[in-house]
């Protein structure tokens, strides 16, 4: 966020646009299932934080997780979290608010980010669509299903809890 706070307001709004795009692209059942395993459960709000956490890992890990959520079994934080208190791993709420906090910092609170964001969206994103297809829904509490869909993460998290 410190780096973002050095940018002009327009750049911060453009950052928020791109953040929303990549955040929405992760709104899928398979990604939610990965969050469910890693976090030992995952509410709607927690899933927002998990997706923000994936974005904060950078392009390489974001793209890997987007292509195959089970690949998160290779990430050191995920591996470490399997044997520790885990609902903190990759659940980074503050990343969701990086643009608004940076905007507030550079305007010294003199201009509301959300008003500026609404104006920006109406000018630049008038036909903005909602989240797309989440893929096939499945039961996250079905151990066999989770092993079938996310075998490596299930091995890390379900087998660690069974022991």
C-alpha atoms as a PDB file:
ATOM      1  CA  UNK A   1       0.000   0.000   0.000  1.00  0.00           C
ATOM      2  CA  UNK A   2       2.896   2.375   0.638  1.00  0.00           C
ATOM      3  CA  UNK A   3       3.924   2.166  -3.006  1.00  0.00           C
ATOM      4  CA  UNK A   4       0.345   2.679  -4.179  1.00  0.00           C
ATOM      5  CA  UNK A   5       0.092   5.793  -2.001  1.00  0.00           C
ATOM      6  CA  UNK A   6       2.849   7.398  -4.105  1.00  0.00           C
ATOM      7  CA  UNK A   7       0.677   7.210  -7.227  1.00  0.00           C
ATOM      8  CA  UNK A   8      -1.758   9.779  -8.615  1.00  0.00           C
ATOM      9  CA  UNK A   9      -5.463   9.281  -7.855  1.00  0.00           C
ATOM     10  CA  UNK A  10      -6.165   8.066 -11.414  1.00  0.00           C
ATOM     11  CA  UNK A  11      -3.565   5.299 -11.052  1.00  0.00           C
ATOM     12  CA  UNK A  12      -5.095   4.202  -7.758  1.00  0.00           C
ATOM     13  CA  UNK A  13      -8.523   3.977  -9.394  1.00  0.00           C
ATOM     14  CA  UNK A  14      -7.029   1.993 -12.291  1.00  0.00           C
ATOM     15  CA  UNK A  15      -5.348  -0.287  -9.765  1.00  0.00           C
ATOM     16  CA  UNK A  16      -8.745  -0.879  -8.122  1.00  0.00           C
ATOM     17  CA  UNK A  17     -10.225  -1.719 -11.528  1.00  0.00           C
ATOM     18  CA  UNK A  18      -7.554  -4.347 -12.191  1.00  0.00           C
ATOM     19  CA  UNK A  19      -7.739  -5.663  -8.628  1.00  0.00           C
ATOM     20  CA  UNK A  20     -11.492  -6.183  -9.016  1.00  0.00           C
ATOM     21  CA  UNK A  21     -10.933  -8.038 -12.312  1.00  0.00           C
ATOM     22  CA  UNK A  22      -8.431 -10.512 -10.905  1.00  0.00           C
ATOM     23  CA  UNK A  23     -10.346 -10.834  -7.631  1.00  0.00           C
ATOM     24  CA  UNK A  24     -13.549 -11.716  -9.521  1.00  0.00           C
ATOM     25  CA  UNK A  25     -11.713 -14.201 -11.731  1.00  0.00           C
ATOM     26  CA  UNK A  26     -10.982 -16.262  -8.593  1.00  0.00           C
ATOM     27  CA  UNK A  27     -14.658 -16.411  -7.593  1.00  0.00           C
ATOM     28  CA  UNK A  28     -14.954 -20.140  -8.304  1.00  0.00           C
ATOM     29  CA  UNK A  29     -15.941 -23.219  -6.336  1.00  0.00           C
ATOM     30  CA  UNK A  30     -12.570 -24.920  -6.804  1.00  0.00           C
ATOM     31  CA  UNK A  31     -10.718 -21.897  -5.409  1.00  0.00           C
ATOM     32  CA  UNK A  32     -13.228 -21.674  -2.555  1.00  0.00           C
ATOM     33  CA  UNK A  33     -12.617 -25.352  -1.806  1.00  0.00           C
ATOM     34  CA  UNK A  34      -8.876 -24.651  -1.557  1.00  0.00           C
ATOM     35  CA  UNK A  35      -9.615 -21.799   0.854  1.00  0.00           C
ATOM     36  CA  UNK A  36     -11.894 -24.115   2.825  1.00  0.00           C
ATOM     37  CA  UNK A  37      -9.128 -26.677   3.249  1.00  0.00           C
ATOM     38  CA  UNK A  38      -6.410 -24.158   4.041  1.00  0.00           C
ATOM     39  CA  UNK A  39      -8.558 -22.170   6.461  1.00  0.00           C
ATOM     40  CA  UNK A  40     -10.332 -25.072   8.112  1.00  0.00           C
ATOM     41  CA  UNK A  41     -13.591 -23.628   6.763  1.00  0.00           C
ATOM     42  CA  UNK A  42     -14.326 -20.484   4.784  1.00  0.00           C
ATOM     43  CA  UNK A  43     -17.228 -18.027   4.951  1.00  0.00           C
ATOM     44  CA  UNK A  44     -18.167 -15.572   2.177  1.00  0.00           C
ATOM     45  CA  UNK A  45     -16.150 -12.807   3.849  1.00  0.00           C
ATOM     46  CA  UNK A  46     -13.184 -15.079   4.430  1.00  0.00           C
ATOM     47  CA  UNK A  47     -13.262 -16.098   0.775  1.00  0.00           C
ATOM     48  CA  UNK A  48     -12.924 -12.432  -0.202  1.00  0.00           C
ATOM     49  CA  UNK A  49      -9.868 -12.217   2.056  1.00  0.00           C
ATOM     50  CA  UNK A  50      -8.412 -15.443   0.644  1.00  0.00           C
ATOM     51  CA  UNK A  51      -8.703 -14.184  -2.935  1.00  0.00           C
ATOM     52  CA  UNK A  52      -7.003 -10.939  -1.867  1.00  0.00           C
ATOM     53  CA  UNK A  53      -4.271 -13.036  -0.290  1.00  0.00           C
ATOM     54  CA  UNK A  54      -3.729 -14.935  -3.525  1.00  0.00           C
ATOM     55  CA  UNK A  55      -3.412 -11.644  -5.397  1.00  0.00           C
ATOM     56  CA  UNK A  56      -0.865 -10.416  -2.863  1.00  0.00           C
ATOM     57  CA  UNK A  57       1.357 -13.405  -3.658  1.00  0.00           C
ATOM     58  CA  UNK A  58       2.163 -11.839  -7.032  1.00  0.00           C
ATOM     59  CA  UNK A  59       1.475 -12.714 -10.631  1.00  0.00           C
ATOM     60  CA  UNK A  60       3.238 -16.105 -10.726  1.00  0.00           C
ATOM     61  CA  UNK A  61       1.374 -17.585  -7.747  1.00  0.00           C
ATOM     62  CA  UNK A  62      -1.882 -15.905  -8.696  1.00  0.00           C
ATOM     63  CA  UNK A  63      -1.749 -17.457 -12.170  1.00  0.00           C
ATOM     64  CA  UNK A  64      -0.761 -20.864 -10.784  1.00  0.00           C
ATOM     65  CA  UNK A  65      -3.626 -20.842  -8.284  1.00  0.00           C
ATOM     66  CA  UNK A  66      -6.100 -19.567 -10.881  1.00  0.00           C
ATOM     67  CA  UNK A  67      -5.098 -22.338 -13.302  1.00  0.00           C
ATOM     68  CA  UNK A  68      -4.987 -25.066 -10.627  1.00  0.00           C
ATOM     69  CA  UNK A  69      -5.906 -24.250  -7.024  1.00  0.00           C
ATOM     70  CA  UNK A  70      -4.349 -27.543  -5.922  1.00  0.00           C
ATOM     71  CA  UNK A  71      -0.938 -26.115  -6.896  1.00  0.00           C
ATOM     72  CA  UNK A  72      -1.110 -24.056  -3.693  1.00  0.00           C
ATOM     73  CA  UNK A  73       0.122 -27.236  -2.002  1.00  0.00           C
ATOM     74  CA  UNK A  74       3.574 -26.127  -3.223  1.00  0.00           C
ATOM     75  CA  UNK A  75       3.504 -22.704  -1.568  1.00  0.00           C
ATOM     76  CA  UNK A  76       5.664 -22.564   1.589  1.00  0.00           C
ATOM     77  CA  UNK A  77       3.059 -20.603   3.592  1.00  0.00           C
ATOM     78  CA  UNK A  78       0.427 -23.201   2.752  1.00  0.00           C
ATOM     79  CA  UNK A  79       2.739 -26.085   3.632  1.00  0.00           C
ATOM     80  CA  UNK A  80       3.696 -24.464   6.948  1.00  0.00           C
ATOM     81  CA  UNK A  81       0.080 -23.663   7.764  1.00  0.00           C
ATOM     82  CA  UNK A  82      -0.895 -27.336   7.419  1.00  0.00           C
ATOM     83  CA  UNK A  83       0.874 -28.101  10.678  1.00  0.00           C
ATOM     84  CA  UNK A  84       0.134 -24.856  12.525  1.00  0.00           C
ATOM     85  CA  UNK A  85      -2.719 -22.538  13.328  1.00  0.00           C
ATOM     86  CA  UNK A  86      -3.955 -22.167   9.820  1.00  0.00           C
ATOM     87  CA  UNK A  87      -6.776 -19.732   9.302  1.00  0.00           C
ATOM     88  CA  UNK A  88      -4.292 -16.905   8.901  1.00  0.00           C
ATOM     89  CA  UNK A  89      -2.520 -18.417   5.873  1.00  0.00           C
ATOM     90  CA  UNK A  90      -3.330 -16.410   2.757  1.00  0.00           C
ATOM     91  CA  UNK A  91      -6.375 -14.692   4.285  1.00  0.00           C
ATOM     92  CA  UNK A  92      -5.310 -11.044   3.963  1.00  0.00           C
ATOM     93  CA  UNK A  93      -8.293  -8.758   4.483  1.00  0.00           C
ATOM     94  CA  UNK A  94      -6.254  -5.554   4.348  1.00  0.00           C
ATOM     95  CA  UNK A  95      -5.325  -6.171   0.701  1.00  0.00           C
ATOM     96  CA  UNK A  96      -8.989  -5.609  -0.206  1.00  0.00           C
ATOM     97  CA  UNK A  97      -8.652  -2.016   1.033  1.00  0.00           C
ATOM     98  CA  UNK A  98      -5.241  -1.059  -0.343  1.00  0.00           C
ATOM     99  CA  UNK A  99      -6.655   1.334  -2.946  1.00  0.00           C
ATOM    100  CA  UNK A 100      -9.042   3.075  -0.566  1.00  0.00           C
ATOM    101  CA  UNK A 101      -6.348   3.489   2.083  1.00  0.00           C
ATOM    102  CA  UNK A 102      -3.803   4.782  -0.447  1.00  0.00           C
ATOM    103  CA  UNK A 103      -6.390   7.184  -1.873  1.00  0.00           C
ATOM    104  CA  UNK A 104      -7.258   8.456   1.586  1.00  0.00           C
ATOM    105  CA  UNK A 105      -3.583   8.951   2.361  1.00  0.00           C
ATOM    106  CA  UNK A 106      -2.837  11.052  -0.724  1.00  0.00           C
ATOM    107  CA  UNK A 107      -6.007  13.138  -0.387  1.00  0.00           C
ATOM    108  CA  UNK A 108      -5.538  13.463   3.393  1.00  0.00           C
ATOM    109  CA  UNK A 109      -9.126  12.324   3.744  1.00  0.00           C
ATOM    110  CA  UNK A 110     -10.333  15.322   1.697  1.00  0.00           C
ATOM    111  CA  UNK A 111     -11.893  13.195  -1.025  1.00  0.00           C
ATOM    112  CA  UNK A 112     -13.863  10.024  -0.473  1.00  0.00           C
ATOM    113  CA  UNK A 113     -12.442   7.025  -2.327  1.00  0.00           C
ATOM    114  CA  UNK A 114     -15.798   5.318  -2.753  1.00  0.00           C
ATOM    115  CA  UNK A 115     -17.383   8.390  -4.351  1.00  0.00           C
ATOM    116  CA  UNK A 116     -14.397   8.713  -6.685  1.00  0.00           C
ATOM    117  CA  UNK A 117     -14.576   4.984  -7.415  1.00  0.00           C
ATOM    118  CA  UNK A 118     -18.307   5.207  -8.266  1.00  0.00           C
ATOM    119  CA  UNK A 119     -17.603   8.104 -10.674  1.00  0.00           C
ATOM    120  CA  UNK A 120     -14.705   6.190 -12.236  1.00  0.00           C
ATOM    121  CA  UNK A 121     -16.819   3.067 -12.736  1.00  0.00           C
ATOM    122  CA  UNK A 122     -19.697   4.998 -14.289  1.00  0.00           C
ATOM    123  CA  UNK A 123     -17.279   6.641 -16.752  1.00  0.00           C
ATOM    124  CA  UNK A 124     -14.975   3.701 -17.513  1.00  0.00           C
ATOM    125  CA  UNK A 125     -16.965   0.571 -16.702  1.00  0.00           C
ATOM    126  CA  UNK A 126     -20.605   1.341 -17.550  1.00  0.00           C
ATOM    127  CA  UNK A 127     -21.454  -2.217 -18.637  1.00  0.00           C
ATOM    128  CA  UNK A 128     -19.577  -3.906 -15.809  1.00  0.00           C
ATOM    129  CA  UNK A 129     -20.803  -7.454 -15.353  1.00  0.00           C
ATOM    130  CA  UNK A 130     -21.192  -9.384 -12.141  1.00  0.00           C
ATOM    131  CA  UNK A 131     -19.129 -12.403 -11.187  1.00  0.00           C
ATOM    132  CA  UNK A 132     -19.088 -15.090 -13.849  1.00  0.00           C
ATOM    133  CA  UNK A 133     -19.642 -18.810 -13.738  1.00  0.00           C
ATOM    134  CA  UNK A 134     -18.273 -20.363 -10.558  1.00  0.00           C
ATOM    135  CA  UNK A 135     -18.028 -23.821 -12.091  1.00  0.00           C
ATOM    136  CA  UNK A 136     -19.510 -26.927 -10.560  1.00  0.00           C
ATOM    137  CA  UNK A 137     -20.614 -26.685  -6.936  1.00  0.00           C
ATOM    138  CA  UNK A 138     -19.636 -29.579  -4.672  1.00  0.00           C
ATOM    139  CA  UNK A 139     -19.639 -30.546  -1.007  1.00  0.00           C
ATOM    140  CA  UNK A 140     -16.524 -29.242   0.744  1.00  0.00           C
ATOM    141  CA  UNK A 141     -17.229 -31.522   3.706  1.00  0.00           C
ATOM    142  CA  UNK A 142     -17.113 -34.648   1.532  1.00  0.00           C
ATOM    143  CA  UNK A 143     -13.596 -35.953   2.156  1.00  0.00           C
ATOM    144  CA  UNK A 144     -13.641 -38.235  -0.882  1.00  0.00           C
ATOM    145  CA  UNK A 145     -14.779 -35.357  -3.125  1.00  0.00           C
ATOM    146  CA  UNK A 146     -12.067 -33.066  -1.790  1.00  0.00           C
ATOM    147  CA  UNK A 147      -9.394 -35.723  -2.315  1.00  0.00           C
ATOM    148  CA  UNK A 148     -10.641 -36.168  -5.871  1.00  0.00           C
ATOM    149  CA  UNK A 149     -10.716 -32.467  -6.733  1.00  0.00           C
ATOM    150  CA  UNK A 150      -7.779 -31.129  -4.711  1.00  0.00           C
ATOM    151  CA  UNK A 151      -5.679 -34.215  -3.968  1.00  0.00           C
ATOM    152  CA  UNK A 152      -2.502 -32.470  -2.842  1.00  0.00           C
ATOM    153  CA  UNK A 153      -4.196 -29.914  -0.603  1.00  0.00           C
ATOM    154  CA  UNK A 154      -6.478 -32.606   0.796  1.00  0.00           C
ATOM    155  CA  UNK A 155      -3.443 -34.741   1.594  1.00  0.00           C
ATOM    156  CA  UNK A 156      -1.835 -31.795   3.407  1.00  0.00           C
ATOM    157  CA  UNK A 157      -4.890 -30.677   5.352  1.00  0.00           C
ATOM    158  CA  UNK A 158      -7.310 -33.565   5.728  1.00  0.00           C
ATOM    159  CA  UNK A 159      -4.703 -36.176   6.546  1.00  0.00           C
ATOM    160  CA  UNK A 160      -2.925 -33.797   8.944  1.00  0.00           C
ATOM    161  CA  UNK A 161      -6.186 -33.325  10.838  1.00  0.00           C
ATOM    162  CA  UNK A 162      -6.970 -37.044  10.884  1.00  0.00           C
ATOM    163  CA  UNK A 163      -3.719 -37.797  12.700  1.00  0.00           C
END
